[in-house]
Structure formats: C-alpha cells, structure tokens
Amino acid sequence: MIISNTQCDVCINKIKMIRPGMNPKSCDLKLNVDWSIEYSIKNEEILEYVCTLDTMGDVPIQFAIQGHLESQTKIEDLEKRSDELSTLILDKCMNTMINILNDTKNSQITLNNISPMYLNCVPSEFKN
C-alpha cells in the first residue's frame, strides 16, 4: 500500500499525429477513442511510456505521445500506481491531441494588394 505523495515529472519526448486527408465540413467531433499505454523501465528513476490514441468516426486520427516519468522514489512505487498514472497520461494526451488538431485545421487568410514600395525590396532572384 502506498501512503505517501509522490512527486513525479511527466516529460514528452515525441508527438506523432496523422490527420485525415481532408477536413470534414460541418461535422460534430465525437471522440470515440481506442487507447493504450505501454510502460517500460529505463532505470531506477525513469519509467518510459508510449500512449497511443486512435479516433473513429468523421475525423479519424492516429495520435501517439512518447515520453518518460522521472521520480525521486523508486520506479516500483510508480508501477504500483499505474492506474492513477494512466489516467493522468491519457488526460494529457487527449488535451494535447485536441489542441494540435485545432492548431492544424485549415484556415483562410486574405492577402491584400502589395504596395509597389515593398516590391522594390525583393531580391531579383525572387522576382518573375
């Protein structure tokens, strides 16, 4: 039984996301997610993890975060709390995926006419 609080640093080393080819128009985002978290011990103070998420429905996404947990306590103590850790890592991965999805969605911009004054500053190799 674990009775003490444990200070733990959650580090993200790699993020992978594969979006659908086209953004669906006017769809409700329903995140039916198939997820898994795999742990491996690196040494006495570092526990590595890989969290994968696969969404289904209108916006199929493959998403993965690879990282590690660092703690001053022995890794065996963290392993005993894997249910608690998995919930925290899953929440962090879901929030990260949603933020990245929002940041990478298609957007429209308006280009205004460029003043001839600025065209004189363009190096000749970039002019037609």
N, C-alpha and C. Protein backbone atom coordinates (compact mmCIF):
# COMPACT_ATOMS: atom_id res chain seq x y z
N MET A 1 0.84 -1.18 0.00
CA MET A 1 0.00 0.00 0.00
C MET A 1 0.88 1.24 0.00
N ILE A 2 0.52 2.21 -0.82
CA ILE A 2 1.27 3.46 -0.91
C ILE A 2 0.53 4.52 -0.12
N ILE A 3 1.24 5.11 0.84
CA ILE A 3 0.57 6.09 1.69
C ILE A 3 1.13 7.50 1.53
N SER A 4 2.25 7.64 0.84
CA SER A 4 2.85 8.96 0.70
C SER A 4 2.57 9.55 -0.67
N ASN A 5 2.63 10.87 -0.72
CA ASN A 5 2.53 11.56 -2.02
C ASN A 5 3.85 11.38 -2.75
N THR A 6 3.80 11.27 -4.04
CA THR A 6 5.00 11.09 -4.84
C THR A 6 5.08 12.22 -5.85
N GLN A 7 6.21 12.92 -5.87
CA GLN A 7 6.46 13.97 -6.85
C GLN A 7 6.98 13.31 -8.11
N CYS A 8 6.38 13.63 -9.24
CA CYS A 8 6.73 12.96 -10.49
C CYS A 8 6.72 13.97 -11.62
N ASP A 9 7.76 13.98 -12.44
CA ASP A 9 7.82 14.85 -13.62
C ASP A 9 7.37 14.05 -14.83
N VAL A 10 6.39 14.57 -15.57
CA VAL A 10 5.91 13.93 -16.79
C VAL A 10 6.54 14.67 -17.96
N CYS A 11 7.34 13.96 -18.74
CA CYS A 11 8.06 14.56 -19.87
C CYS A 11 7.54 13.97 -21.17
N ILE A 12 7.41 14.83 -22.19
CA ILE A 12 7.01 14.39 -23.52
C ILE A 12 8.23 14.54 -24.42
N ASN A 13 8.62 13.42 -25.07
CA ASN A 13 9.78 13.44 -25.94
C ASN A 13 9.40 13.52 -27.42
N LYS A 14 8.33 12.83 -27.82
CA LYS A 14 7.92 12.81 -29.23
C LYS A 14 6.40 12.83 -29.31
N ILE A 15 5.91 13.49 -30.35
CA ILE A 15 4.47 13.51 -30.63
C ILE A 15 4.30 13.13 -32.10
N LYS A 16 3.36 12.24 -32.36
CA LYS A 16 3.07 11.83 -33.74
C LYS A 16 1.56 11.95 -33.95
N MET A 17 1.17 12.59 -35.05
CA MET A 17 -0.25 12.68 -35.36
C MET A 17 -0.45 12.54 -36.86
N ILE A 18 -1.38 11.69 -37.23
CA ILE A 18 -1.77 11.55 -38.63
C ILE A 18 -3.24 11.94 -38.71
N ARG A 19 -3.49 13.05 -39.43
CA ARG A 19 -4.85 13.59 -39.60
C ARG A 19 -5.49 12.97 -40.82
N PRO A 20 -6.81 13.10 -40.92
CA PRO A 20 -7.47 12.68 -42.16
C PRO A 20 -7.00 13.57 -43.31
N GLY A 21 -7.04 13.03 -44.52
CA GLY A 21 -6.58 13.78 -45.69
C GLY A 21 -7.32 15.08 -45.89
N MET A 22 -8.62 15.08 -45.69
CA MET A 22 -9.41 16.29 -45.87
C MET A 22 -10.15 16.57 -44.57
N ASN A 23 -10.33 17.85 -44.28
CA ASN A 23 -11.11 18.23 -43.11
C ASN A 23 -12.59 18.06 -43.43
N PRO A 24 -13.30 17.26 -42.65
CA PRO A 24 -14.74 17.14 -42.88
C PRO A 24 -15.43 18.47 -42.60
N LYS A 25 -16.41 18.80 -43.41
CA LYS A 25 -17.16 20.05 -43.24
C LYS A 25 -18.36 19.81 -42.33
N SER A 26 -18.59 20.72 -41.44
CA SER A 26 -19.78 20.74 -40.59
C SER A 26 -20.07 19.39 -39.92
N CYS A 27 -19.08 18.84 -39.27
CA CYS A 27 -19.34 17.59 -38.56
C CYS A 27 -19.19 17.83 -37.06
N ASP A 28 -19.90 17.04 -36.30
CA ASP A 28 -19.74 17.07 -34.86
C ASP A 28 -18.57 16.17 -34.51
N LEU A 29 -17.65 16.69 -33.73
CA LEU A 29 -16.49 15.92 -33.34
C LEU A 29 -16.87 15.02 -32.18
N LYS A 30 -16.99 13.74 -32.46
CA LYS A 30 -17.28 12.75 -31.42
C LYS A 30 -16.05 11.90 -31.29
N LEU A 31 -15.39 12.02 -30.17
CA LEU A 31 -14.14 11.32 -29.99
C LEU A 31 -14.37 9.94 -29.38
N ASN A 32 -14.71 8.98 -30.23
CA ASN A 32 -14.69 7.59 -29.80
C ASN A 32 -13.24 7.16 -29.95
N VAL A 33 -12.59 6.90 -28.84
CA VAL A 33 -11.15 6.70 -28.85
C VAL A 33 -10.79 5.30 -28.37
N ASP A 34 -9.94 4.64 -29.15
CA ASP A 34 -9.31 3.41 -28.73
C ASP A 34 -7.92 3.82 -28.25
N TRP A 35 -7.55 3.50 -27.02
CA TRP A 35 -6.28 3.98 -26.48
C TRP A 35 -5.53 2.86 -25.78
N SER A 36 -4.23 3.07 -25.66
CA SER A 36 -3.39 2.15 -24.90
C SER A 36 -2.18 2.91 -24.39
N ILE A 37 -1.63 2.43 -23.28
CA ILE A 37 -0.40 2.99 -22.73
C ILE A 37 0.51 1.83 -22.39
N GLU A 38 1.72 1.90 -22.92
CA GLU A 38 2.73 0.88 -22.63
C GLU A 38 3.84 1.53 -21.81
N TYR A 39 4.28 0.83 -20.78
CA TYR A 39 5.34 1.32 -19.91
C TYR A 39 6.57 0.42 -20.06
N SER A 40 7.75 1.02 -19.91
CA SER A 40 8.99 0.24 -19.83
C SER A 40 9.95 0.96 -18.88
N ILE A 41 10.69 0.19 -18.13
CA ILE A 41 11.61 0.75 -17.14
C ILE A 41 12.95 1.03 -17.83
N LYS A 42 13.41 2.30 -17.71
CA LYS A 42 14.70 2.67 -18.27
C LYS A 42 15.79 2.48 -17.22
N ASN A 43 15.55 2.99 -16.03
CA ASN A 43 16.46 2.78 -14.90
C ASN A 43 15.66 2.99 -13.61
N GLU A 44 16.33 3.09 -12.49
CA GLU A 44 15.64 3.16 -11.20
C GLU A 44 14.81 4.43 -11.02
N GLU A 45 15.10 5.47 -11.80
CA GLU A 45 14.40 6.74 -11.63
C GLU A 45 13.54 7.14 -12.82
N ILE A 46 13.60 6.39 -13.93
CA ILE A 46 12.89 6.78 -15.15
C ILE A 46 12.02 5.62 -15.65
N LEU A 47 10.75 5.93 -15.86
CA LEU A 47 9.78 4.99 -16.42
C LEU A 47 9.31 5.58 -17.75
N GLU A 48 9.58 4.91 -18.86
CA GLU A 48 9.17 5.41 -20.17
C GLU A 48 7.75 4.95 -20.48
N TYR A 49 7.05 5.73 -21.31
CA TYR A 49 5.69 5.36 -21.72
C TYR A 49 5.45 5.74 -23.17
N VAL A 50 4.52 5.04 -23.78
CA VAL A 50 4.01 5.39 -25.11
C VAL A 50 2.50 5.31 -25.01
N CYS A 51 1.82 6.42 -25.24
CA CYS A 51 0.37 6.48 -25.21
C CYS A 51 -0.11 6.65 -26.65
N THR A 52 -0.95 5.73 -27.12
CA THR A 52 -1.49 5.82 -28.47
C THR A 52 -3.00 6.00 -28.41
N LEU A 53 -3.50 6.85 -29.29
CA LEU A 53 -4.92 7.13 -29.40
C LEU A 53 -5.32 6.96 -30.86
N ASP A 54 -6.40 6.25 -31.10
CA ASP A 54 -6.98 6.13 -32.44
C ASP A 54 -8.44 6.54 -32.34
N THR A 55 -8.79 7.63 -33.03
CA THR A 55 -10.18 8.08 -33.01
C THR A 55 -10.92 7.46 -34.18
N MET A 56 -12.21 7.29 -34.01
CA MET A 56 -13.05 6.71 -35.05
C MET A 56 -14.16 7.70 -35.38
N GLY A 57 -14.77 7.54 -36.52
CA GLY A 57 -15.88 8.41 -36.89
C GLY A 57 -15.49 9.36 -38.00
N ASP A 58 -16.10 10.57 -37.99
CA ASP A 58 -15.90 11.55 -39.06
C ASP A 58 -14.47 12.05 -39.15
N VAL A 59 -13.75 12.07 -38.04
CA VAL A 59 -12.39 12.59 -38.01
C VAL A 59 -11.46 11.49 -37.48
N PRO A 60 -11.06 10.55 -38.35
CA PRO A 60 -10.16 9.50 -37.87
C PRO A 60 -8.74 10.05 -37.71
N ILE A 61 -8.19 9.88 -36.54
CA ILE A 61 -6.86 10.41 -36.23
C ILE A 61 -6.05 9.32 -35.55
N GLN A 62 -4.80 9.21 -35.94
CA GLN A 62 -3.85 8.37 -35.22
C GLN A 62 -2.91 9.31 -34.48
N PHE A 63 -2.78 9.11 -33.19
CA PHE A 63 -2.01 10.03 -32.35
C PHE A 63 -1.20 9.24 -31.35
N ALA A 64 0.03 9.65 -31.11
CA ALA A 64 0.87 8.97 -30.12
C ALA A 64 1.79 9.97 -29.44
N ILE A 65 2.00 9.75 -28.16
CA ILE A 65 2.97 10.53 -27.40
C ILE A 65 3.92 9.55 -26.74
N GLN A 66 5.21 9.81 -26.92
CA GLN A 66 6.24 9.02 -26.26
C GLN A 66 6.94 9.92 -25.26
N GLY A 67 7.12 9.44 -24.06
CA GLY A 67 7.76 10.25 -23.05
C GLY A 67 8.27 9.41 -21.90
N HIS A 68 8.54 10.09 -20.81
CA HIS A 68 9.00 9.36 -19.62
C HIS A 68 8.58 10.08 -18.36
N LEU A 69 8.57 9.33 -17.29
CA LEU A 69 8.26 9.84 -15.96
C LEU A 69 9.53 9.77 -15.13
N GLU A 70 9.85 10.85 -14.46
CA GLU A 70 11.02 10.88 -13.58
C GLU A 70 10.53 11.07 -12.16
N SER A 71 11.14 10.34 -11.25
CA SER A 71 10.72 10.44 -9.85
C SER A 71 11.92 10.18 -8.94
N GLN A 72 11.89 10.83 -7.77
CA GLN A 72 12.93 10.59 -6.79
C GLN A 72 12.72 9.26 -6.08
N THR A 73 11.48 8.77 -6.09
CA THR A 73 11.20 7.48 -5.47
C THR A 73 11.52 6.37 -6.47
N LYS A 74 11.54 5.16 -6.01
CA LYS A 74 11.85 4.04 -6.89
C LYS A 74 10.73 3.83 -7.89
N ILE A 75 11.10 3.38 -9.06
CA ILE A 75 10.14 3.15 -10.14
C ILE A 75 9.10 2.12 -9.74
N GLU A 76 9.46 1.18 -8.89
CA GLU A 76 8.49 0.19 -8.45
C GLU A 76 7.28 0.86 -7.81
N ASP A 77 7.50 1.97 -7.10
CA ASP A 77 6.39 2.71 -6.49
C ASP A 77 5.48 3.30 -7.57
N LEU A 78 6.08 3.78 -8.67
CA LEU A 78 5.26 4.32 -9.76
C LEU A 78 4.49 3.20 -10.45
N GLU A 79 5.14 2.05 -10.61
CA GLU A 79 4.46 0.92 -11.25
C GLU A 79 3.22 0.51 -10.47
N LYS A 80 3.29 0.58 -9.16
CA LYS A 80 2.14 0.22 -8.32
C LYS A 80 1.00 1.21 -8.49
N ARG A 81 1.31 2.40 -8.99
CA ARG A 81 0.29 3.43 -9.19
C ARG A 81 -0.04 3.61 -10.67
N SER A 82 0.16 2.55 -11.47
CA SER A 82 -0.03 2.67 -12.92
C SER A 82 -1.45 3.06 -13.30
N ASP A 83 -2.46 2.62 -12.54
CA ASP A 83 -3.84 3.03 -12.86
C ASP A 83 -3.99 4.54 -12.75
N GLU A 84 -3.45 5.10 -11.69
CA GLU A 84 -3.51 6.55 -11.48
C GLU A 84 -2.70 7.28 -12.54
N LEU A 85 -1.50 6.77 -12.84
CA LEU A 85 -0.64 7.38 -13.86
C LEU A 85 -1.29 7.33 -15.24
N SER A 86 -1.89 6.19 -15.57
CA SER A 86 -2.51 6.03 -16.88
C SER A 86 -3.61 7.05 -17.10
N THR A 87 -4.41 7.29 -16.08
CA THR A 87 -5.48 8.29 -16.19
C THR A 87 -4.90 9.68 -16.44
N LEU A 88 -3.84 10.03 -15.73
CA LEU A 88 -3.22 11.35 -15.90
C LEU A 88 -2.57 11.48 -17.28
N ILE A 89 -1.88 10.44 -17.73
CA ILE A 89 -1.24 10.48 -19.05
C ILE A 89 -2.29 10.53 -20.15
N LEU A 90 -3.35 9.75 -20.02
CA LEU A 90 -4.43 9.76 -21.01
C LEU A 90 -5.06 11.14 -21.11
N ASP A 91 -5.34 11.78 -19.98
CA ASP A 91 -5.90 13.14 -19.99
C ASP A 91 -4.95 14.11 -20.71
N LYS A 92 -3.66 14.02 -20.40
CA LYS A 92 -2.68 14.92 -21.03
C LYS A 92 -2.62 14.67 -22.53
N CYS A 93 -2.65 13.41 -22.94
CA CYS A 93 -2.61 13.08 -24.38
C CYS A 93 -3.86 13.57 -25.10
N MET A 94 -5.03 13.37 -24.51
CA MET A 94 -6.28 13.83 -25.13
C MET A 94 -6.27 15.34 -25.30
N ASN A 95 -5.87 16.07 -24.26
CA ASN A 95 -5.81 17.53 -24.34
C ASN A 95 -4.81 17.98 -25.39
N THR A 96 -3.65 17.34 -25.44
CA THR A 96 -2.63 17.69 -26.43
C THR A 96 -3.14 17.43 -27.84
N MET A 97 -3.79 16.28 -28.05
CA MET A 97 -4.31 15.94 -29.37
C MET A 97 -5.35 16.96 -29.83
N ILE A 98 -6.26 17.33 -28.95
CA ILE A 98 -7.30 18.30 -29.31
C ILE A 98 -6.68 19.66 -29.62
N ASN A 99 -5.70 20.09 -28.83
CA ASN A 99 -5.03 21.37 -29.10
C ASN A 99 -4.31 21.35 -30.44
N ILE A 100 -3.61 20.27 -30.74
CA ILE A 100 -2.90 20.17 -32.02
C ILE A 100 -3.89 20.11 -33.17
N LEU A 101 -4.97 19.36 -32.99
CA LEU A 101 -6.00 19.28 -34.03
C LEU A 101 -6.56 20.67 -34.33
N ASN A 102 -6.83 21.45 -33.30
CA ASN A 102 -7.34 22.81 -33.50
C ASN A 102 -6.31 23.71 -34.17
N ASP A 103 -5.03 23.54 -33.81
CA ASP A 103 -3.98 24.37 -34.38
C ASP A 103 -3.68 24.02 -35.84
N THR A 104 -3.99 22.79 -36.26
CA THR A 104 -3.64 22.37 -37.61
C THR A 104 -4.83 22.36 -38.57
N LYS A 105 -5.98 22.84 -38.13
CA LYS A 105 -7.13 22.84 -39.03
C LYS A 105 -6.92 23.87 -40.13
N ASN A 106 -7.60 23.67 -41.24
CA ASN A 106 -7.49 24.60 -42.36
C ASN A 106 -8.04 25.96 -41.93
N SER A 107 -7.38 26.99 -42.39
CA SER A 107 -7.86 28.35 -42.11
C SER A 107 -7.70 29.19 -43.37
N GLN A 108 -8.46 30.26 -43.44
CA GLN A 108 -8.40 31.15 -44.59
C GLN A 108 -7.77 32.46 -44.18
N ILE A 109 -6.95 32.99 -45.07
CA ILE A 109 -6.37 34.31 -44.84
C ILE A 109 -6.65 35.15 -46.07
N THR A 110 -6.63 36.45 -45.91
CA THR A 110 -6.84 37.38 -47.02
C THR A 110 -5.53 38.10 -47.28
N LEU A 111 -5.07 38.02 -48.53
CA LEU A 111 -3.87 38.74 -48.92
C LEU A 111 -4.30 40.04 -49.60
N ASN A 112 -3.83 41.13 -49.07
CA ASN A 112 -4.13 42.43 -49.65
C ASN A 112 -3.14 42.73 -50.77
N ASN A 113 -3.48 43.69 -51.62
CA ASN A 113 -2.55 44.10 -52.66
C ASN A 113 -1.25 44.57 -52.01
N ILE A 114 -0.14 44.20 -52.65
CA ILE A 114 1.16 44.58 -52.12
C ILE A 114 1.56 45.92 -52.72
N SER A 115 1.99 46.81 -51.87
CA SER A 115 2.42 48.13 -52.32
C SER A 115 3.68 48.00 -53.17
N PRO A 116 3.78 48.74 -54.29
CA PRO A 116 4.99 48.69 -55.13
C PRO A 116 6.26 49.02 -54.35
N MET A 117 6.11 49.81 -53.29
CA MET A 117 7.26 50.18 -52.46
C MET A 117 7.93 48.92 -51.90
N TYR A 118 7.13 47.91 -51.49
CA TYR A 118 7.68 46.69 -50.92
C TYR A 118 8.29 45.80 -51.99
N LEU A 119 7.77 45.88 -53.21
CA LEU A 119 8.31 45.05 -54.29
C LEU A 119 9.74 45.43 -54.64
N ASN A 120 10.13 46.68 -54.42
CA ASN A 120 11.50 47.12 -54.70
C ASN A 120 12.50 46.49 -53.73
N CYS A 121 12.04 46.01 -52.61
CA CYS A 121 12.92 45.43 -51.60
C CYS A 121 13.15 43.93 -51.83
N VAL A 122 12.46 43.33 -52.79
CA VAL A 122 12.57 41.90 -53.03
C VAL A 122 13.80 41.63 -53.88
N PRO A 123 14.68 40.70 -53.49
CA PRO A 123 15.87 40.40 -54.29
C PRO A 123 15.46 39.92 -55.69
N SER A 124 16.29 40.20 -56.67
CA SER A 124 15.95 39.92 -58.08
C SER A 124 15.70 38.44 -58.34
N GLU A 125 16.33 37.53 -57.61
CA GLU A 125 16.11 36.09 -57.86
C GLU A 125 14.71 35.67 -57.48
N PHE A 126 13.97 36.46 -56.70
CA PHE A 126 12.61 36.14 -56.32
C PHE A 126 11.57 36.82 -57.20
N LYS A 127 12.03 37.72 -58.09
CA LYS A 127 11.08 38.40 -58.99
C LYS A 127 10.89 37.54 -60.23
N ASN A 128 9.70 37.66 -60.84
CA ASN A 128 9.42 36.91 -62.09
C ASN A 128 10.22 37.43 -63.24
